[in-house]
Protein backbone atom coordinates (compact mmCIF):
# COMPACT_ATOMS: atom_id res chain seq x y z
CA MET A 1 5.89 -7.65 -26.36
CA THR A 2 5.40 -11.09 -24.79
CA ASP A 3 3.35 -11.69 -21.65
CA ILE A 4 6.54 -12.63 -19.77
CA VAL A 5 8.10 -9.24 -20.55
CA LYS A 6 4.87 -7.55 -19.51
CA ALA A 7 4.91 -9.48 -16.22
CA VAL A 8 8.47 -8.32 -15.54
CA ILE A 9 7.61 -4.70 -16.33
CA LEU A 10 4.56 -4.80 -14.08
CA GLY A 11 6.61 -6.44 -11.32
CA ILE A 12 9.19 -3.64 -11.52
CA VAL A 13 6.48 -0.97 -11.37
CA GLU A 14 4.81 -2.73 -8.43
CA GLY A 15 8.09 -3.02 -6.52
CA ILE A 16 8.81 0.69 -6.96
CA THR A 17 5.33 2.06 -6.30
CA GLU A 18 4.01 -0.21 -3.52
CA PHE A 19 5.61 1.86 -0.77
CA LEU A 20 5.41 5.25 -2.46
CA PRO A 21 2.19 7.21 -1.77
CA ILE A 22 1.20 7.16 -5.43
CA SER A 23 -0.90 3.95 -5.63
CA SER A 24 0.74 0.82 -6.99
CA THR A 25 -2.66 -0.64 -7.95
CA GLY A 26 -3.54 2.53 -9.83
CA HIS A 27 -0.28 2.43 -11.77
CA LEU A 28 -0.78 -1.24 -12.62
CA ILE A 29 -4.32 -0.63 -13.88
CA ILE A 30 -3.17 2.25 -16.07
CA LEU A 31 -0.13 0.33 -17.33
CA ASN A 32 -2.21 -2.78 -18.05
CA ARG A 33 -4.34 -0.76 -20.44
CA SER A 34 -1.28 0.87 -22.05
CA ILE A 35 0.57 -2.39 -22.78
CA HIS A 36 -2.58 -4.34 -23.66
CA PHE A 37 -2.41 -6.65 -20.67
CA ASP A 38 -6.00 -5.98 -19.73
CA ASN A 39 -8.15 -9.07 -19.22
CA PRO A 40 -9.94 -10.90 -16.36
CA PHE A 41 -6.68 -12.57 -15.27
CA THR A 42 -4.95 -9.20 -14.99
CA GLN A 43 -6.91 -8.23 -11.87
CA HIS A 44 -5.74 -11.38 -10.09
CA PHE A 45 -2.20 -10.73 -11.30
CA ASP A 46 -2.17 -7.15 -10.01
CA ILE A 47 -3.25 -8.21 -6.53
CA ALA A 48 -1.00 -11.26 -6.31
CA ILE A 49 2.24 -9.49 -7.21
CA GLN A 50 1.59 -6.90 -4.50
CA LEU A 51 2.19 -9.71 -2.02
CA GLY A 52 5.67 -10.05 -3.53
CA ALA A 53 6.42 -6.46 -2.59
CA ILE A 54 4.96 -6.98 0.88
CA LEU A 55 7.26 -9.97 1.35
CA ALA A 56 10.13 -7.51 1.13
CA VAL A 57 8.78 -5.88 4.30
CA LEU A 58 8.86 -9.23 6.09
CA VAL A 59 12.53 -9.55 5.13
CA MET A 60 13.61 -6.00 5.93
CA TYR A 61 11.63 -5.75 9.17
CA ARG A 62 12.14 -9.36 10.17
CA GLN A 63 13.35 -8.25 13.61
CA PHE A 64 9.93 -6.75 14.32
CA PHE A 65 8.16 -9.97 13.44
CA LEU A 66 10.68 -12.28 15.11
CA ASP A 67 10.26 -10.27 18.31
CA PHE A 68 6.78 -11.77 18.64
CA PHE A 69 8.47 -15.08 19.45
CA ARG A 70 11.45 -13.87 21.51
CA PRO A 71 11.07 -14.41 25.28
CA SER A 72 13.66 -11.67 25.80
CA VAL A 73 11.20 -9.08 24.46
CA PRO A 74 8.80 -7.97 27.22
CA PHE A 75 5.38 -9.58 26.92
CA ARG A 76 3.74 -6.15 27.17
CA VAL A 77 5.66 -4.92 24.11
CA ARG A 78 4.83 -8.01 22.07
CA THR A 79 1.17 -7.83 23.01
CA HIS A 80 0.93 -4.13 22.22
CA ARG A 81 2.49 -4.60 18.79
CA PHE A 82 0.22 -7.52 17.97
CA VAL A 83 -2.92 -5.65 19.05
CA LEU A 84 -1.87 -2.63 16.96
CA TRP A 85 -1.36 -4.97 14.01
CA VAL A 86 -4.82 -6.50 14.42
CA ILE A 87 -6.66 -3.22 15.01
CA VAL A 88 -5.16 -1.47 11.98
CA THR A 89 -6.31 -4.39 9.80
CA ILE A 90 -9.95 -4.56 10.92
CA PRO A 91 -11.53 -1.61 9.00
CA ALA A 92 -10.08 -2.47 5.58
CA GLY A 93 -10.67 -6.17 6.20
CA ILE A 94 -14.38 -5.63 6.87
CA VAL A 95 -14.87 -3.28 3.92
CA GLY A 96 -12.89 -5.58 1.61
CA VAL A 97 -14.95 -8.64 2.51
CA LEU A 98 -18.29 -6.84 2.22
CA PHE A 99 -17.59 -5.07 -1.06
CA HIS A 100 -15.05 -7.34 -2.77
CA SER A 101 -17.16 -8.01 -5.86
CA VAL A 102 -18.21 -4.36 -6.22
CA ILE A 103 -14.62 -3.16 -5.95
CA LYS A 104 -13.36 -5.64 -8.56
CA ARG A 105 -16.28 -4.97 -10.92
CA ASP A 106 -16.63 -1.19 -10.75
CA LEU A 107 -13.40 0.36 -9.44
CA PHE A 108 -10.62 -1.28 -11.47
CA LYS A 109 -10.88 1.28 -14.26
CA PRO A 110 -8.44 4.01 -15.35
CA SER A 111 -11.03 6.78 -14.94
CA VAL A 112 -11.77 5.70 -11.36
CA VAL A 113 -8.05 5.46 -10.64
CA ALA A 114 -7.53 8.98 -11.95
CA TRP A 115 -10.00 10.51 -9.52
CA GLY A 116 -8.53 8.40 -6.74
CA LEU A 117 -5.09 9.82 -7.51
CA ILE A 118 -6.38 13.40 -7.44
CA THR A 119 -8.47 12.93 -4.30
CA GLY A 120 -5.57 11.32 -2.48
CA ALA A 121 -3.27 14.16 -3.54
CA VAL A 122 -5.62 16.75 -2.02
CA LEU A 123 -5.71 14.79 1.24
CA MET A 124 -1.91 14.59 1.24
CA ILE A 125 -1.66 18.36 0.92
CA ILE A 126 -4.09 18.77 3.82
CA ALA A 127 -2.00 16.34 5.88
CA GLU A 128 1.08 18.42 5.14
CA PHE A 129 -0.61 21.50 6.58
CA ILE A 130 -1.62 19.56 9.68
CA LEU A 131 1.93 18.30 10.14
CA LYS A 132 3.44 21.77 9.81
CA LYS A 133 0.95 23.15 12.31
CA ARG A 134 1.80 20.39 14.79
CA ALA A 135 5.51 20.92 14.24
CA LYS A 136 5.23 24.62 15.11
CA LYS A 137 3.32 23.83 18.29
CA ARG A 138 5.61 20.87 19.12
CA LEU A 139 2.67 18.49 19.28
CA PHE A 140 4.65 15.35 18.55
CA TYR A 141 4.22 12.89 21.40
CA MET A 142 4.72 9.57 19.63
CA GLN A 143 8.10 8.92 18.07
CA THR A 144 8.21 5.15 17.58
CA ILE A 145 5.82 2.37 16.62
CA ASP A 146 5.70 1.15 20.22
CA ASP A 147 4.37 4.58 21.27
CA ILE A 148 1.34 4.40 18.95
CA SER A 149 -1.95 4.17 20.84
CA LEU A 150 -4.79 1.78 20.04
CA LYS A 151 -6.98 4.73 19.09
CA GLN A 152 -4.39 5.95 16.60
CA SER A 153 -3.97 2.49 15.16
CA PHE A 154 -7.71 2.23 14.55
CA PHE A 155 -7.77 5.70 12.97
CA ILE A 156 -4.91 4.73 10.63
CA GLY A 157 -6.79 1.51 9.85
CA CYS A 158 -9.91 3.50 8.93
CA CYS A 159 -7.79 5.69 6.65
CA GLN A 160 -6.23 2.58 5.13
CA ALA A 161 -9.69 1.29 4.24
CA PHE A 162 -10.02 4.11 1.69
CA ALA A 163 -7.13 2.50 -0.20
CA LEU A 164 -9.59 -0.11 -1.48
CA TRP A 165 -10.44 2.64 -3.97
CA PRO A 166 -7.72 2.06 -6.60
CA GLY A 167 -5.70 5.22 -7.00
CA MET A 168 -5.96 6.33 -3.39
CA SER A 169 -2.89 4.30 -2.35
CA ARG A 170 -2.65 2.20 0.77
CA SER A 171 0.69 3.75 1.64
CA ALA A 172 -0.66 7.29 1.19
CA CYS A 173 -3.78 6.61 3.25
CA SER A 174 -1.77 5.05 6.09
CA ILE A 175 0.79 7.86 6.11
CA ILE A 176 -1.94 10.51 5.99
CA GLY A 177 -3.63 8.83 8.94
CA GLY A 178 -0.37 8.57 10.85
CA VAL A 179 0.75 12.13 10.18
CA SER A 180 -2.70 13.54 10.96
CA SER A 181 -2.70 11.74 14.31
CA GLY A 182 0.69 13.12 15.32
CA LEU A 183 3.28 10.67 14.04
CA PRO A 184 6.46 11.92 12.36
CA TYR A 185 7.02 10.93 8.74
CA THR A 186 9.40 8.06 9.42
CA THR A 187 7.21 6.35 12.02
CA ALA A 188 4.07 6.83 9.90
CA ALA A 189 5.80 5.31 6.88
CA GLN A 190 7.25 2.37 8.81
CA PHE A 191 3.91 1.61 10.42
CA SER A 192 2.30 1.79 6.99
CA PHE A 193 4.74 -0.88 5.76
CA LEU A 194 4.01 -3.16 8.71
CA ALA A 195 0.25 -2.56 8.50
CA ALA A 196 0.35 -3.67 4.86
CA VAL A 197 1.44 -7.20 5.71
CA PRO A 198 -1.79 -8.61 7.20
CA ILE A 199 -4.15 -6.67 4.95
CA MET A 200 -2.32 -7.72 1.76
CA ILE A 201 -2.13 -11.35 2.87
CA LEU A 202 -5.90 -11.29 3.48
CA ALA A 203 -6.60 -9.46 0.19
CA THR A 204 -4.44 -11.82 -1.86
CA GLY A 205 -5.86 -14.89 -0.13
CA ALA A 206 -9.44 -13.76 -0.73
CA ASP A 207 -8.73 -12.98 -4.36
CA MET A 208 -7.00 -16.30 -4.98
CA ILE A 209 -9.97 -18.15 -3.47
CA HIS A 210 -12.33 -16.33 -5.82
CA GLY A 211 -10.17 -16.74 -8.92
CA PHE A 212 -8.07 -19.88 -8.36
CA SER A 213 -10.28 -22.14 -10.47
CA SER A 214 -9.78 -19.96 -13.55
CA LEU A 215 -5.94 -19.94 -13.39
CA THR A 216 -3.94 -21.98 -15.90
CA MET A 217 -0.30 -23.09 -15.73
CA ALA A 218 0.62 -20.17 -17.99
CA HIS A 219 -1.12 -17.81 -15.58
CA CYS A 220 0.76 -19.30 -12.62
CA GLN A 221 4.05 -18.81 -14.46
CA LEU A 222 3.28 -15.13 -15.04
CA LEU A 223 2.23 -14.74 -11.41
CA GLY A 224 5.54 -16.24 -10.26
CA ILE A 225 7.58 -13.95 -12.51
CA GLY A 226 5.70 -10.83 -11.44
CA PHE A 227 5.79 -11.86 -7.77
CA PHE A 228 9.56 -12.46 -7.71
CA THR A 229 10.35 -9.30 -9.68
CA ALA A 230 8.21 -7.16 -7.37
CA PHE A 231 9.93 -8.70 -4.33
CA LEU A 232 13.45 -7.94 -5.57
CA VAL A 233 12.67 -4.38 -6.63
CA ALA A 234 10.76 -3.64 -3.41
CA LEU A 235 13.79 -4.71 -1.37
CA LEU A 236 15.69 -1.84 -2.95
CA SER A 237 12.80 0.62 -2.72
CA VAL A 238 11.82 0.50 0.97
CA SER A 239 14.92 2.10 2.48
CA ALA A 240 15.19 4.58 -0.39
CA PHE A 241 11.62 5.75 0.21
CA ILE A 242 12.18 6.35 3.94
CA SER A 243 15.20 8.51 3.15
CA LEU A 244 13.36 10.33 0.37
CA LEU A 245 10.27 11.01 2.49
CA ASN A 246 12.34 12.66 5.21
CA LYS A 247 13.85 15.00 2.63
CA ILE A 248 10.97 15.99 0.37
CA HIS A 249 7.86 15.04 2.43
CA LEU A 250 4.51 14.52 0.64
CA TRP A 251 4.28 17.57 -1.66
CA PRO A 252 6.13 16.20 -4.72
CA PHE A 253 4.12 12.98 -4.61
CA ALA A 254 0.88 14.96 -4.43
CA VAL A 255 1.87 17.07 -7.46
CA TYR A 256 2.80 13.95 -9.41
CA ARG A 257 -0.53 12.32 -8.54
CA ILE A 258 -2.53 15.33 -9.74
CA PHE A 259 -0.53 15.50 -12.97
CA LEU A 260 -0.94 11.77 -13.66
CA GLY A 261 -4.62 11.86 -12.71
CA PHE A 262 -5.47 14.56 -15.23
CA CYS A 263 -3.33 12.89 -17.90
CA VAL A 264 -5.37 9.70 -17.45
CA ILE A 265 -8.68 11.60 -17.47
CA TYR A 266 -7.85 13.29 -20.76
CA GLY A 267 -6.02 10.27 -22.19
CA TYR A 268 -8.84 7.77 -21.66
């Protein structure tokens, strides 16, 4: 199998898993080992192609981002959205900057991913119980992104910071935080997509700064292939995930994570 084929395969997996609460980074780390695409460049590749999937969010939710520049949108609404966007980014941004080298050195391993998958699955199950309890008591006050409070945004941001542990899943952590704070599934998932944009831009930028000098033209070609593939596949995955989440909720994803986690533990 050539490196180009491997880049395409990894791009497809990234595009499918980025928005599912099953950890795209975790899947890439496991798959890298399985297809023998496991070297120092691979870590840069895995992070860079995630930005391709995030670009799909910019395209699909372009109205949300364009509204920042539309005079017809009330200034209060634009300001609130921007502040939410900043606040949700702060916790993971601080942790990522402080522990970047530790995360890259010690956490990008299949065994670490496996325990992240299992831990995240347990938290998802707990979130499901919280959601059902709130549903019975009709404790849903926030229905849209514009109804999210600053306190909730910060809480979701703190939950998102745990996604720096590969295997936990940024999408899962954000949705768990949103659901636990009272958001319905759809709003929690949509906010998780939007919250991914700044944090992934920062993460990719920081990683490229650290590793740019070691990239060759061949590496850049593989990055471009993986990036574009992830973007195209993610375009198809976002809407499908929203529909799927409303139907099956978090349980099936949690079961899958536990199964995969133990398979990795016993397989490696």
